C-alpha cells in the first residue's frame, strides 16, 4: 500500500469513527432481550469465527488458473465501501474498512437484528 492509499484509508477511518459515535446507543433494542455484550459469563470464552466480506471478483477459469504468487485479484469494492461482518458464517453487522496502524480493521456502523 502506498502512502497516498494509506492516507486515504486513514481519512476514511476518521470519517467512519465520527459517523459511528453514539450510533449503537440509539440502535439499542428497547426490549428486555440481552444485548450481544451481555452474554452470560459461561459463554464469554467460547471461540467464534469472525470474517469480513471484503468483496468479490468474477474471472475466467483460465485467468484464475494462470494466477501466481504476487498477482493482484481486483475486488468489486474500494477503501471506504461498506463491508459485511460475519460470525460463524452468519451476517451480524455492517462496517467500514479502516486502517489500524499497519493492520486493517472494521469500524462497525450497524448491527443486523
PDB file of N, CA and C in Angstrom:
ATOM      1  N   UNK A   1       0.857  -1.165   0.000  1.00  0.00           N
ATOM      2  CA  UNK A   1       0.000   0.000   0.000  1.00  0.00           C
ATOM      3  C   UNK A   1       0.906   1.232   0.000  1.00  0.00           C
ATOM      4  N   UNK A   2       0.659   2.147  -0.925  1.00  0.00           N
ATOM      5  CA  UNK A   2       1.491   3.347  -0.970  1.00  0.00           C
ATOM      6  C   UNK A   2       0.991   4.387   0.028  1.00  0.00           C
ATOM      7  N   UNK A   3       1.755   5.450   0.204  1.00  0.00           N
ATOM      8  CA  UNK A   3       1.423   6.446   1.223  1.00  0.00           C
ATOM      9  C   UNK A   3       0.126   7.186   0.909  1.00  0.00           C
ATOM     10  N   UNK A   4      -0.189   7.384  -0.357  1.00  0.00           N
ATOM     11  CA  UNK A   4      -1.440   8.054  -0.712  1.00  0.00           C
ATOM     12  C   UNK A   4      -2.639   7.178  -0.349  1.00  0.00           C
ATOM     13  N   UNK A   5      -2.556   5.886  -0.636  1.00  0.00           N
ATOM     14  CA  UNK A   5      -3.633   4.972  -0.286  1.00  0.00           C
ATOM     15  C   UNK A   5      -3.795   4.889   1.229  1.00  0.00           C
ATOM     16  N   UNK A   6      -2.673   4.864   1.941  1.00  0.00           N
ATOM     17  CA  UNK A   6      -2.706   4.795   3.404  1.00  0.00           C
ATOM     18  C   UNK A   6      -3.369   6.052   3.982  1.00  0.00           C
ATOM     19  N   UNK A   7      -3.019   7.217   3.449  1.00  0.00           N
ATOM     20  CA  UNK A   7      -3.610   8.470   3.926  1.00  0.00           C
ATOM     21  C   UNK A   7      -5.109   8.501   3.639  1.00  0.00           C
ATOM     22  N   UNK A   8      -5.508   7.997   2.462  1.00  0.00           N
ATOM     23  CA  UNK A   8      -6.923   7.966   2.107  1.00  0.00           C
ATOM     24  C   UNK A   8      -7.688   7.047   3.055  1.00  0.00           C
ATOM     25  N   UNK A   9      -7.115   5.891   3.375  1.00  0.00           N
ATOM     26  CA  UNK A   9      -7.771   4.953   4.275  1.00  0.00           C
ATOM     27  C   UNK A   9      -7.858   5.518   5.690  1.00  0.00           C
ATOM     28  N   UNK A  10      -6.838   6.247   6.127  1.00  0.00           N
ATOM     29  CA  UNK A  10      -6.887   6.874   7.451  1.00  0.00           C
ATOM     30  C   UNK A  10      -7.971   7.947   7.506  1.00  0.00           C
ATOM     31  N   UNK A  11      -8.143   8.697   6.414  1.00  0.00           N
ATOM     32  CA  UNK A  11      -9.193   9.711   6.361  1.00  0.00           C
ATOM     33  C   UNK A  11     -10.570   9.048   6.425  1.00  0.00           C
ATOM     34  N   UNK A  12     -10.730   7.940   5.714  1.00  0.00           N
ATOM     35  CA  UNK A  12     -11.985   7.196   5.749  1.00  0.00           C
ATOM     36  C   UNK A  12     -12.249   6.681   7.157  1.00  0.00           C
ATOM     37  N   UNK A  13     -11.205   6.213   7.842  1.00  0.00           N
ATOM     38  CA  UNK A  13     -11.341   5.723   9.212  1.00  0.00           C
ATOM     39  C   UNK A  13     -11.832   6.835  10.131  1.00  0.00           C
ATOM     40  N   UNK A  14     -11.229   8.012  10.022  1.00  0.00           N
ATOM     41  CA  UNK A  14     -11.665   9.139  10.869  1.00  0.00           C
ATOM     42  C   UNK A  14     -13.134   9.476  10.611  1.00  0.00           C
ATOM     43  N   UNK A  15     -13.541   9.489   9.335  1.00  0.00           N
ATOM     44  CA  UNK A  15     -14.933   9.797   8.993  1.00  0.00           C
ATOM     45  C   UNK A  15     -15.864   8.720   9.536  1.00  0.00           C
ATOM     46  N   UNK A  16     -15.484   7.462   9.397  1.00  0.00           N
ATOM     47  CA  UNK A  16     -16.328   6.367   9.873  1.00  0.00           C
ATOM     48  C   UNK A  16     -16.495   6.427  11.388  1.00  0.00           C
ATOM     49  N   UNK A  17     -15.398   6.701  12.103  1.00  0.00           N
ATOM     50  CA  UNK A  17     -15.477   6.795  13.564  1.00  0.00           C
ATOM     51  C   UNK A  17     -16.361   7.953  13.987  1.00  0.00           C
ATOM     52  N   UNK A  18     -16.284   9.064  13.271  1.00  0.00           N
ATOM     53  CA  UNK A  18     -17.118  10.224  13.584  1.00  0.00           C
ATOM     54  C   UNK A  18     -18.590   9.893  13.352  1.00  0.00           C
ATOM     55  N   UNK A  19     -18.885   9.194  12.256  1.00  0.00           N
ATOM     56  CA  UNK A  19     -20.267   8.847  11.938  1.00  0.00           C
ATOM     57  C   UNK A  19     -20.852   7.823  12.903  1.00  0.00           C
ATOM     58  N   UNK A  20     -19.997   6.966  13.442  1.00  0.00           N
ATOM     59  CA  UNK A  20     -20.471   5.882  14.289  1.00  0.00           C
ATOM     60  C   UNK A  20     -20.633   6.322  15.745  1.00  0.00           C
ATOM     61  N   UNK A  21     -20.067   7.438  16.133  1.00  0.00           N
ATOM     62  CA  UNK A  21     -20.108   7.908  17.510  1.00  0.00           C
ATOM     63  C   UNK A  21     -21.552   8.018  17.998  1.00  0.00           C
ATOM     64  N   UNK A  22     -21.900   7.221  18.978  1.00  0.00           N
ATOM     65  CA  UNK A  22     -23.245   7.249  19.536  1.00  0.00           C
ATOM     66  C   UNK A  22     -24.256   6.424  18.747  1.00  0.00           C
ATOM     67  N   UNK A  23     -23.857   5.852  17.622  1.00  0.00           N
ATOM     68  CA  UNK A  23     -24.794   5.131  16.763  1.00  0.00           C
ATOM     69  C   UNK A  23     -25.410   3.923  17.464  1.00  0.00           C
ATOM     70  N   UNK A  24     -24.598   3.138  18.165  1.00  0.00           N
ATOM     71  CA  UNK A  24     -25.111   1.922  18.768  1.00  0.00           C
ATOM     72  C   UNK A  24     -26.059   2.200  19.921  1.00  0.00           C
ATOM     73  N   UNK A  25     -25.844   3.277  20.648  1.00  0.00           N
ATOM     74  CA  UNK A  25     -26.743   3.614  21.751  1.00  0.00           C
ATOM     75  C   UNK A  25     -28.146   3.892  21.225  1.00  0.00           C
ATOM     76  N   UNK A  26     -28.255   4.571  20.080  1.00  0.00           N
ATOM     77  CA  UNK A  26     -29.570   4.885  19.537  1.00  0.00           C
ATOM     78  C   UNK A  26     -30.198   3.686  18.840  1.00  0.00           C
ATOM     79  N   UNK A  27     -29.395   2.691  18.445  1.00  0.00           N
ATOM     80  CA  UNK A  27     -29.919   1.499  17.780  1.00  0.00           C
ATOM     81  C   UNK A  27     -30.288   0.396  18.761  1.00  0.00           C
ATOM     82  N   UNK A  28     -30.003   0.584  20.036  1.00  0.00           N
ATOM     83  CA  UNK A  28     -30.228  -0.483  21.009  1.00  0.00           C
ATOM     84  C   UNK A  28     -31.705  -0.847  21.067  1.00  0.00           C
ATOM     85  N   UNK A  29     -32.029  -2.126  21.079  1.00  0.00           N
ATOM     86  CA  UNK A  29     -33.433  -2.543  21.159  1.00  0.00           C
ATOM     87  C   UNK A  29     -34.035  -2.129  22.493  1.00  0.00           C
ATOM     88  N   UNK A  30     -35.288  -1.763  22.469  1.00  0.00           N
ATOM     89  CA  UNK A  30     -35.980  -1.315  23.668  1.00  0.00           C
ATOM     90  C   UNK A  30     -36.748  -2.464  24.305  1.00  0.00           C
ATOM     91  N   UNK A  31     -36.154  -3.640  24.379  1.00  0.00           N
ATOM     92  CA  UNK A  31     -36.817  -4.799  24.970  1.00  0.00           C
ATOM     93  C   UNK A  31     -35.965  -5.335  26.102  1.00  0.00           C
ATOM     94  N   UNK A  32     -36.462  -6.386  26.734  1.00  0.00           N
ATOM     95  CA  UNK A  32     -35.706  -6.983  27.827  1.00  0.00           C
ATOM     96  C   UNK A  32     -34.709  -8.015  27.325  1.00  0.00           C
ATOM     97  N   UNK A  33     -34.577  -8.159  25.993  1.00  0.00           N
ATOM     98  CA  UNK A  33     -33.620  -9.100  25.433  1.00  0.00           C
ATOM     99  C   UNK A  33     -32.202  -8.663  25.781  1.00  0.00           C
ATOM    100  N   UNK A  34     -31.325  -9.599  26.152  1.00  0.00           N
ATOM    101  CA  UNK A  34     -29.943  -9.222  26.428  1.00  0.00           C
ATOM    102  C   UNK A  34     -29.246  -8.780  25.149  1.00  0.00           C
ATOM    103  N   UNK A  35     -28.325  -7.842  25.265  1.00  0.00           N
ATOM    104  CA  UNK A  35     -27.569  -7.404  24.103  1.00  0.00           C
ATOM    105  C   UNK A  35     -26.415  -8.358  23.867  1.00  0.00           C
ATOM    106  N   UNK A  36     -25.750  -8.201  22.725  1.00  0.00           N
ATOM    107  CA  UNK A  36     -24.607  -9.062  22.411  1.00  0.00           C
ATOM    108  C   UNK A  36     -23.547  -8.940  23.492  1.00  0.00           C
ATOM    109  N   UNK A  37     -23.329  -7.757  24.004  1.00  0.00           N
ATOM    110  CA  UNK A  37     -22.298  -7.527  25.009  1.00  0.00           C
ATOM    111  C   UNK A  37     -22.630  -8.069  26.384  1.00  0.00           C
ATOM    112  N   UNK A  38     -23.852  -8.537  26.604  1.00  0.00           N
ATOM    113  CA  UNK A  38     -24.226  -9.014  27.930  1.00  0.00           C
ATOM    114  C   UNK A  38     -24.393 -10.536  27.980  1.00  0.00           C
ATOM    115  N   UNK A  39     -23.599 -11.243  27.201  1.00  0.00           N
ATOM    116  CA  UNK A  39     -23.664 -12.709  27.209  1.00  0.00           C
ATOM    117  C   UNK A  39     -23.305 -13.230  28.593  1.00  0.00           C
ATOM    118  N   UNK A  40     -23.938 -14.335  29.004  1.00  0.00           N
ATOM    119  CA  UNK A  40     -23.604 -14.912  30.311  1.00  0.00           C
ATOM    120  C   UNK A  40     -22.118 -15.243  30.387  1.00  0.00           C
ATOM    121  N   UNK A  41     -21.566 -15.155  31.592  1.00  0.00           N
ATOM    122  CA  UNK A  41     -20.134 -15.379  31.784  1.00  0.00           C
ATOM    123  C   UNK A  41     -19.679 -16.740  31.270  1.00  0.00           C
ATOM    124  N   UNK A  42     -20.523 -17.762  31.372  1.00  0.00           N
ATOM    125  CA  UNK A  42     -20.105 -19.092  30.931  1.00  0.00           C
ATOM    126  C   UNK A  42     -20.000 -19.200  29.410  1.00  0.00           C
ATOM    127  N   UNK A  43     -20.454 -18.200  28.654  1.00  0.00           N
ATOM    128  CA  UNK A  43     -20.340 -18.209  27.195  1.00  0.00           C
ATOM    129  C   UNK A  43     -19.226 -17.308  26.678  1.00  0.00           C
ATOM    130  N   UNK A  44     -18.671 -16.465  27.520  1.00  0.00           N
ATOM    131  CA  UNK A  44     -17.692 -15.474  27.074  1.00  0.00           C
ATOM    132  C   UNK A  44     -16.409 -16.081  26.525  1.00  0.00           C
ATOM    133  N   UNK A  45     -16.065 -17.303  26.913  1.00  0.00           N
ATOM    134  CA  UNK A  45     -14.828 -17.932  26.452  1.00  0.00           C
ATOM    135  C   UNK A  45     -15.035 -18.893  25.295  1.00  0.00           C
ATOM    136  N   UNK A  46     -16.233 -18.898  24.688  1.00  0.00           N
ATOM    137  CA  UNK A  46     -16.499 -19.759  23.543  1.00  0.00           C
ATOM    138  C   UNK A  46     -15.904 -19.096  22.297  1.00  0.00           C
ATOM    139  N   UNK A  47     -15.002 -19.781  21.590  1.00  0.00           N
ATOM    140  CA  UNK A  47     -14.408 -19.172  20.389  1.00  0.00           C
ATOM    141  C   UNK A  47     -15.419 -19.123  19.246  1.00  0.00           C
ATOM    142  N   UNK A  48     -15.393 -18.038  18.489  1.00  0.00           N
ATOM    143  CA  UNK A  48     -16.233 -17.892  17.305  1.00  0.00           C
ATOM    144  C   UNK A  48     -15.356 -17.446  16.146  1.00  0.00           C
ATOM    145  N   UNK A  49     -15.742 -17.794  14.944  1.00  0.00           N
ATOM    146  CA  UNK A  49     -15.005 -17.417  13.741  1.00  0.00           C
ATOM    147  C   UNK A  49     -15.618 -16.132  13.187  1.00  0.00           C
ATOM    148  N   UNK A  50     -14.846 -15.052  13.156  1.00  0.00           N
ATOM    149  CA  UNK A  50     -15.304 -13.772  12.629  1.00  0.00           C
ATOM    150  C   UNK A  50     -14.622 -13.541  11.292  1.00  0.00           C
ATOM    151  N   UNK A  51     -15.420 -13.233  10.259  1.00  0.00           N
ATOM    152  CA  UNK A  51     -14.859 -12.941   8.943  1.00  0.00           C
ATOM    153  C   UNK A  51     -15.535 -11.695   8.389  1.00  0.00           C
ATOM    154  N   UNK A  52     -14.850 -11.059   7.446  1.00  0.00           N
ATOM    155  CA  UNK A  52     -15.349  -9.828   6.844  1.00  0.00           C
ATOM    156  C   UNK A  52     -15.389 -10.030   5.336  1.00  0.00           C
ATOM    157  N   UNK A  53     -16.550  -9.751   4.736  1.00  0.00           N
ATOM    158  CA  UNK A  53     -16.684  -9.854   3.280  1.00  0.00           C
ATOM    159  C   UNK A  53     -16.090  -8.623   2.617  1.00  0.00           C
ATOM    160  N   UNK A  54     -14.884  -8.752   2.106  1.00  0.00           N
ATOM    161  CA  UNK A  54     -14.184  -7.605   1.521  1.00  0.00           C
ATOM    162  C   UNK A  54     -14.570  -7.328   0.082  1.00  0.00           C
ATOM    163  N   UNK A  55     -15.167  -8.257  -0.603  1.00  0.00           N
ATOM    164  CA  UNK A  55     -15.548  -8.032  -1.985  1.00  0.00           C
ATOM    165  C   UNK A  55     -15.543  -9.314  -2.777  1.00  0.00           C
ATOM    166  N   UNK A  56     -15.899  -9.182  -4.051  1.00  0.00           N
ATOM    167  CA  UNK A  56     -15.985 -10.340  -4.934  1.00  0.00           C
ATOM    168  C   UNK A  56     -15.311  -9.997  -6.256  1.00  0.00           C
ATOM    169  N   UNK A  57     -14.994 -11.033  -6.997  1.00  0.00           N
ATOM    170  CA  UNK A  57     -14.434 -10.864  -8.331  1.00  0.00           C
ATOM    171  C   UNK A  57     -14.955 -11.991  -9.209  1.00  0.00           C
ATOM    172  N   UNK A  58     -15.159 -11.696 -10.466  1.00  0.00           N
ATOM    173  CA  UNK A  58     -15.536 -12.708 -11.445  1.00  0.00           C
ATOM    174  C   UNK A  58     -14.473 -12.710 -12.525  1.00  0.00           C
ATOM    175  N   UNK A  59     -13.938 -13.887 -12.817  1.00  0.00           N
ATOM    176  CA  UNK A  59     -12.952 -14.002 -13.877  1.00  0.00           C
ATOM    177  C   UNK A  59     -13.071 -15.353 -14.536  1.00  0.00           C
ATOM    178  N   UNK A  60     -12.433 -15.477 -15.663  1.00  0.00           N
ATOM    179  CA  UNK A  60     -12.465 -16.733 -16.405  1.00  0.00           C
ATOM    180  C   UNK A  60     -11.595 -17.767 -15.682  1.00  0.00           C
ATOM    181  N   UNK A  61     -11.995 -19.027 -15.782  1.00  0.00           N
ATOM    182  CA  UNK A  61     -11.263 -20.089 -15.121  1.00  0.00           C
ATOM    183  C   UNK A  61      -9.807 -20.105 -15.568  1.00  0.00           C
ATOM    184  N   UNK A  62      -9.562 -19.878 -16.845  1.00  0.00           N
ATOM    185  CA  UNK A  62      -8.193 -19.848 -17.357  1.00  0.00           C
ATOM    186  C   UNK A  62      -7.366 -18.756 -16.704  1.00  0.00           C
ATOM    187  N   UNK A  63      -7.990 -17.581 -16.475  1.00  0.00           N
ATOM    188  CA  UNK A  63      -7.282 -16.484 -15.806  1.00  0.00           C
ATOM    189  C   UNK A  63      -6.963 -16.850 -14.365  1.00  0.00           C
ATOM    190  N   UNK A  64      -7.912 -17.502 -13.702  1.00  0.00           N
ATOM    191  CA  UNK A  64      -7.686 -17.936 -12.327  1.00  0.00           C
ATOM    192  C   UNK A  64      -6.557 -18.955 -12.264  1.00  0.00           C
ATOM    193  N   UNK A  65      -6.564 -19.898 -13.186  1.00  0.00           N
ATOM    194  CA  UNK A  65      -5.543 -20.943 -13.196  1.00  0.00           C
ATOM    195  C   UNK A  65      -4.154 -20.381 -13.529  1.00  0.00           C
ATOM    196  N   UNK A  66      -4.108 -19.260 -14.246  1.00  0.00           N
ATOM    197  CA  UNK A  66      -2.826 -18.661 -14.632  1.00  0.00           C
ATOM    198  C   UNK A  66      -2.248 -17.766 -13.539  1.00  0.00           C
ATOM    199  N   UNK A  67      -3.016 -17.508 -12.472  1.00  0.00           N
ATOM    200  CA  UNK A  67      -2.530 -16.621 -11.415  1.00  0.00           C
ATOM    201  C   UNK A  67      -1.364 -17.255 -10.673  1.00  0.00           C
ATOM    202  N   UNK A  68      -0.458 -16.400 -10.244  1.00  0.00           N
ATOM    203  CA  UNK A  68       0.704 -16.877  -9.496  1.00  0.00           C
ATOM    204  C   UNK A  68       0.964 -15.932  -8.328  1.00  0.00           C
ATOM    205  N   UNK A  69       1.850 -16.325  -7.467  1.00  0.00           N
ATOM    206  CA  UNK A  69       2.189 -15.529  -6.304  1.00  0.00           C
ATOM    207  C   UNK A  69       2.580 -14.119  -6.744  1.00  0.00           C
ATOM    208  N   UNK A  70       2.004 -13.125  -6.067  1.00  0.00           N
ATOM    209  CA  UNK A  70       2.296 -11.728  -6.377  1.00  0.00           C
ATOM    210  C   UNK A  70       1.276 -11.078  -7.283  1.00  0.00           C
ATOM    211  N   UNK A  71       0.447 -11.878  -7.981  1.00  0.00           N
ATOM    212  CA  UNK A  71      -0.611 -11.308  -8.812  1.00  0.00           C
ATOM    213  C   UNK A  71      -1.660 -10.660  -7.915  1.00  0.00           C
ATOM    214  N   UNK A  72      -2.347  -9.671  -8.449  1.00  0.00           N
ATOM    215  CA  UNK A  72      -3.375  -8.952  -7.686  1.00  0.00           C
ATOM    216  C   UNK A  72      -4.745  -9.313  -8.226  1.00  0.00           C
ATOM    217  N   UNK A  73      -5.614  -9.735  -7.340  1.00  0.00           N
ATOM    218  CA  UNK A  73      -7.001 -10.021  -7.678  1.00  0.00           C
ATOM    219  C   UNK A  73      -7.815  -8.791  -7.286  1.00  0.00           C
ATOM    220  N   UNK A  74      -8.323  -8.078  -8.276  1.00  0.00           N
ATOM    221  CA  UNK A  74      -9.066  -6.848  -8.016  1.00  0.00           C
ATOM    222  C   UNK A  74     -10.488  -7.188  -7.611  1.00  0.00           C
ATOM    223  N   UNK A  75     -10.913  -6.651  -6.472  1.00  0.00           N
ATOM    224  CA  UNK A  75     -12.256  -6.901  -5.958  1.00  0.00           C
ATOM    225  C   UNK A  75     -13.204  -5.794  -6.410  1.00  0.00           C
ATOM    226  N   UNK A  76     -14.493  -5.999  -6.172  1.00  0.00           N
ATOM    227  CA  UNK A  76     -15.505  -5.047  -6.608  1.00  0.00           C
ATOM    228  C   UNK A  76     -15.739  -3.918  -5.596  1.00  0.00           C
ATOM    229  N   UNK A  77     -14.922  -3.825  -4.573  1.00  0.00           N
ATOM    230  CA  UNK A  77     -15.080  -2.773  -3.565  1.00  0.00           C
ATOM    231  C   UNK A  77     -13.824  -1.940  -3.470  1.00  0.00           C
ATOM    232  N   UNK A  78     -13.998  -0.707  -2.969  1.00  0.00           N
ATOM    233  CA  UNK A  78     -12.881   0.195  -2.769  1.00  0.00           C
ATOM    234  C   UNK A  78     -12.787   0.530  -1.285  1.00  0.00           C
ATOM    235  N   UNK A  79     -11.656   1.091  -0.890  1.00  0.00           N
ATOM    236  CA  UNK A  79     -11.479   1.517   0.503  1.00  0.00           C
ATOM    237  C   UNK A  79     -12.611   2.465   0.875  1.00  0.00           C
ATOM    238  N   UNK A  80     -13.206   2.246   2.025  1.00  0.00           N
ATOM    239  CA  UNK A  80     -14.301   3.088   2.492  1.00  0.00           C
ATOM    240  C   UNK A  80     -15.672   2.553   2.148  1.00  0.00           C
ATOM    241  N   UNK A  81     -15.751   1.599   1.222  1.00  0.00           N
ATOM    242  CA  UNK A  81     -17.038   0.983   0.917  1.00  0.00           C
ATOM    243  C   UNK A  81     -17.492   0.165   2.115  1.00  0.00           C
ATOM    244  N   UNK A  82     -18.807  -0.017   2.256  1.00  0.00           N
ATOM    245  CA  UNK A  82     -19.283  -0.840   3.364  1.00  0.00           C
ATOM    246  C   UNK A  82     -18.859  -2.294   3.199  1.00  0.00           C
ATOM    247  N   UNK A  83     -18.622  -2.958   4.329  1.00  0.00           N
ATOM    248  CA  UNK A  83     -18.292  -4.381   4.346  1.00  0.00           C
ATOM    249  C   UNK A  83     -19.246  -5.090   5.296  1.00  0.00           C
ATOM    250  N   UNK A  84     -19.403  -6.384   5.096  1.00  0.00           N
ATOM    251  CA  UNK A  84     -20.260  -7.195   5.952  1.00  0.00           C
ATOM    252  C   UNK A  84     -19.397  -7.991   6.920  1.00  0.00           C
ATOM    253  N   UNK A  85     -19.868  -8.092   8.167  1.00  0.00           N
ATOM    254  CA  UNK A  85     -19.152  -8.822   9.213  1.00  0.00           C
ATOM    255  C   UNK A  85     -19.968 -10.070   9.551  1.00  0.00           C
ATOM    256  N   UNK A  86     -19.303 -11.214   9.499  1.00  0.00           N
ATOM    257  CA  UNK A  86     -19.955 -12.498   9.747  1.00  0.00           C
ATOM    258  C   UNK A  86     -19.354 -13.149  10.992  1.00  0.00           C
ATOM    259  N   UNK A  87     -20.205 -13.769  11.796  1.00  0.00           N
ATOM    260  CA  UNK A  87     -19.757 -14.602  12.910  1.00  0.00           C
ATOM    261  C   UNK A  87     -20.294 -15.996  12.647  1.00  0.00           C
ATOM    262  N   UNK A  88     -19.371 -16.954  12.559  1.00  0.00           N
ATOM    263  CA  UNK A  88     -19.741 -18.337  12.228  1.00  0.00           C
ATOM    264  C   UNK A  88     -20.631 -18.388  10.985  1.00  0.00           C
ATOM    265  N   UNK A  89     -20.250 -17.635   9.962  1.00  0.00           N
ATOM    266  CA  UNK A  89     -20.941 -17.582   8.665  1.00  0.00           C
ATOM    267  C   UNK A  89     -22.329 -16.964   8.705  1.00  0.00           C
ATOM    268  N   UNK A  90     -22.660 -16.246   9.766  1.00  0.00           N
ATOM    269  CA  UNK A  90     -23.947 -15.554   9.865  1.00  0.00           C
ATOM    270  C   UNK A  90     -23.679 -14.052   9.889  1.00  0.00           C
ATOM    271  N   UNK A  91     -24.374 -13.312   9.031  1.00  0.00           N
ATOM    272  CA  UNK A  91     -24.228 -11.867   8.975  1.00  0.00           C
ATOM    273  C   UNK A  91     -24.687 -11.247  10.290  1.00  0.00           C
ATOM    274  N   UNK A  92     -23.805 -10.489  10.952  1.00  0.00           N
ATOM    275  CA  UNK A  92     -24.158  -9.890  12.233  1.00  0.00           C
ATOM    276  C   UNK A  92     -24.021  -8.369  12.245  1.00  0.00           C
ATOM    277  N   UNK A  93     -23.241  -7.806  11.303  1.00  0.00           N
ATOM    278  CA  UNK A  93     -23.030  -6.360  11.339  1.00  0.00           C
ATOM    279  C   UNK A  93     -22.542  -5.862   9.980  1.00  0.00           C
ATOM    280  N   UNK A  94     -22.617  -4.550   9.837  1.00  0.00           N
ATOM    281  CA  UNK A  94     -22.049  -3.861   8.676  1.00  0.00           C
ATOM    282  C   UNK A  94     -21.008  -2.890   9.214  1.00  0.00           C
ATOM    283  N   UNK A  95     -20.021  -2.594   8.406  1.00  0.00           N
ATOM    284  CA  UNK A  95     -18.986  -1.674   8.845  1.00  0.00           C
ATOM    285  C   UNK A  95     -18.239  -1.065   7.677  1.00  0.00           C
ATOM    286  N   UNK A  96     -17.196  -0.307   8.012  1.00  0.00           N
ATOM    287  CA  UNK A  96     -16.323   0.296   7.007  1.00  0.00           C
ATOM    288  C   UNK A  96     -14.905  -0.161   7.264  1.00  0.00           C
ATOM    289  N   UNK A  97     -14.215  -0.538   6.204  1.00  0.00           N
ATOM    290  CA  UNK A  97     -12.831  -0.970   6.296  1.00  0.00           C
ATOM    291  C   UNK A  97     -11.960   0.203   6.738  1.00  0.00           C
ATOM    292  N   UNK A  98     -11.072  -0.048   7.688  1.00  0.00           N
ATOM    293  CA  UNK A  98     -10.214   1.003   8.223  1.00  0.00           C
ATOM    294  C   UNK A  98      -8.778   0.501   8.322  1.00  0.00           C
ATOM    295  N   UNK A  99      -7.893   1.414   8.640  1.00  0.00           N
ATOM    296  CA  UNK A  99      -6.502   1.066   8.879  1.00  0.00           C
ATOM    297  C   UNK A  99      -6.207   1.359  10.341  1.00  0.00           C
ATOM    298  N   UNK A 100      -5.739   0.340  11.053  1.00  0.00           N
ATOM    299  CA  UNK A 100      -5.419   0.459  12.468  1.00  0.00           C
ATOM    300  C   UNK A 100      -3.918   0.220  12.595  1.00  0.00           C
ATOM    301  N   UNK A 101      -3.138   1.293  12.547  1.00  0.00           N
ATOM    302  CA  UNK A 101      -1.693   1.147  12.496  1.00  0.00           C
ATOM    303  C   UNK A 101      -1.324   0.573  11.144  1.00  0.00           C
ATOM    304  N   UNK A 102      -0.681  -0.583  11.140  1.00  0.00           N
ATOM    305  CA  UNK A 102      -0.317  -1.255   9.893  1.00  0.00           C
ATOM    306  C   UNK A 102      -1.294  -2.376   9.537  1.00  0.00           C
ATOM    307  N   UNK A 103      -2.349  -2.557  10.339  1.00  0.00           N
ATOM    308  CA  UNK A 103      -3.301  -3.636  10.104  1.00  0.00           C
ATOM    309  C   UNK A 103      -4.650  -3.063   9.687  1.00  0.00           C
ATOM    310  N   UNK A 104      -5.398  -3.866   8.960  1.00  0.00           N
ATOM    311  CA  UNK A 104      -6.753  -3.479   8.604  1.00  0.00           C
ATOM    312  C   UNK A 104      -7.683  -3.776   9.763  1.00  0.00           C
ATOM    313  N   UNK A 105      -8.753  -3.026   9.846  1.00  0.00           N
ATOM    314  CA  UNK A 105      -9.780  -3.236  10.840  1.00  0.00           C
ATOM    315  C   UNK A 105     -11.124  -2.861  10.231  1.00  0.00           C
ATOM    316  N   UNK A 106     -12.174  -2.999  11.013  1.00  0.00           N
ATOM    317  CA  UNK A 106     -13.518  -2.638  10.583  1.00  0.00           C
ATOM    318  C   UNK A 106     -14.165  -1.809  11.671  1.00  0.00           C
ATOM    319  N   UNK A 107     -14.668  -0.636  11.299  1.00  0.00           N
ATOM    320  CA  UNK A 107     -15.476   0.165  12.213  1.00  0.00           C
ATOM    321  C   UNK A 107     -16.910  -0.264  12.000  1.00  0.00           C
ATOM    322  N   UNK A 108     -17.551  -0.819  13.038  1.00  0.00           N
ATOM    323  CA  UNK A 108     -18.928  -1.267  12.911  1.00  0.00           C
ATOM    324  C   UNK A 108     -19.845  -0.071  12.799  1.00  0.00           C
ATOM    325  N   UNK A 109     -20.732  -0.087  11.806  1.00  0.00           N
ATOM    326  CA  UNK A 109     -21.668   1.020  11.607  1.00  0.00           C
ATOM    327  C   UNK A 109     -23.098   0.637  11.944  1.00  0.00           C
ATOM    328  N   UNK A 110     -23.414  -0.654  11.870  1.00  0.00           N
ATOM    329  CA  UNK A 110     -24.755  -1.091  12.273  1.00  0.00           C
ATOM    330  C   UNK A 110     -24.732  -2.588  12.571  1.00  0.00           C
ATOM    331  N   UNK A 111     -25.607  -2.986  13.485  1.00  0.00           N
ATOM    332  CA  UNK A 111     -25.771  -4.399  13.811  1.00  0.00           C
ATOM    333  C   UNK A 111     -26.981  -4.937  13.071  1.00  0.00           C
ATOM    334  N   UNK A 112     -26.926  -6.184  12.664  1.00  0.00           N
ATOM    335  CA  UNK A 112     -28.041  -6.823  11.975  1.00  0.00           C
ATOM    336  C   UNK A 112     -28.874  -7.538  13.019  1.00  0.00           C
ATOM    337  N   UNK A 113     -30.176  -7.263  13.027  1.00  0.00           N
ATOM    338  CA  UNK A 113     -31.022  -7.913  14.029  1.00  0.00           C
ATOM    339  C   UNK A 113     -31.686  -9.152  13.498  1.00  0.00           C
TER     340      UNK A 113
END
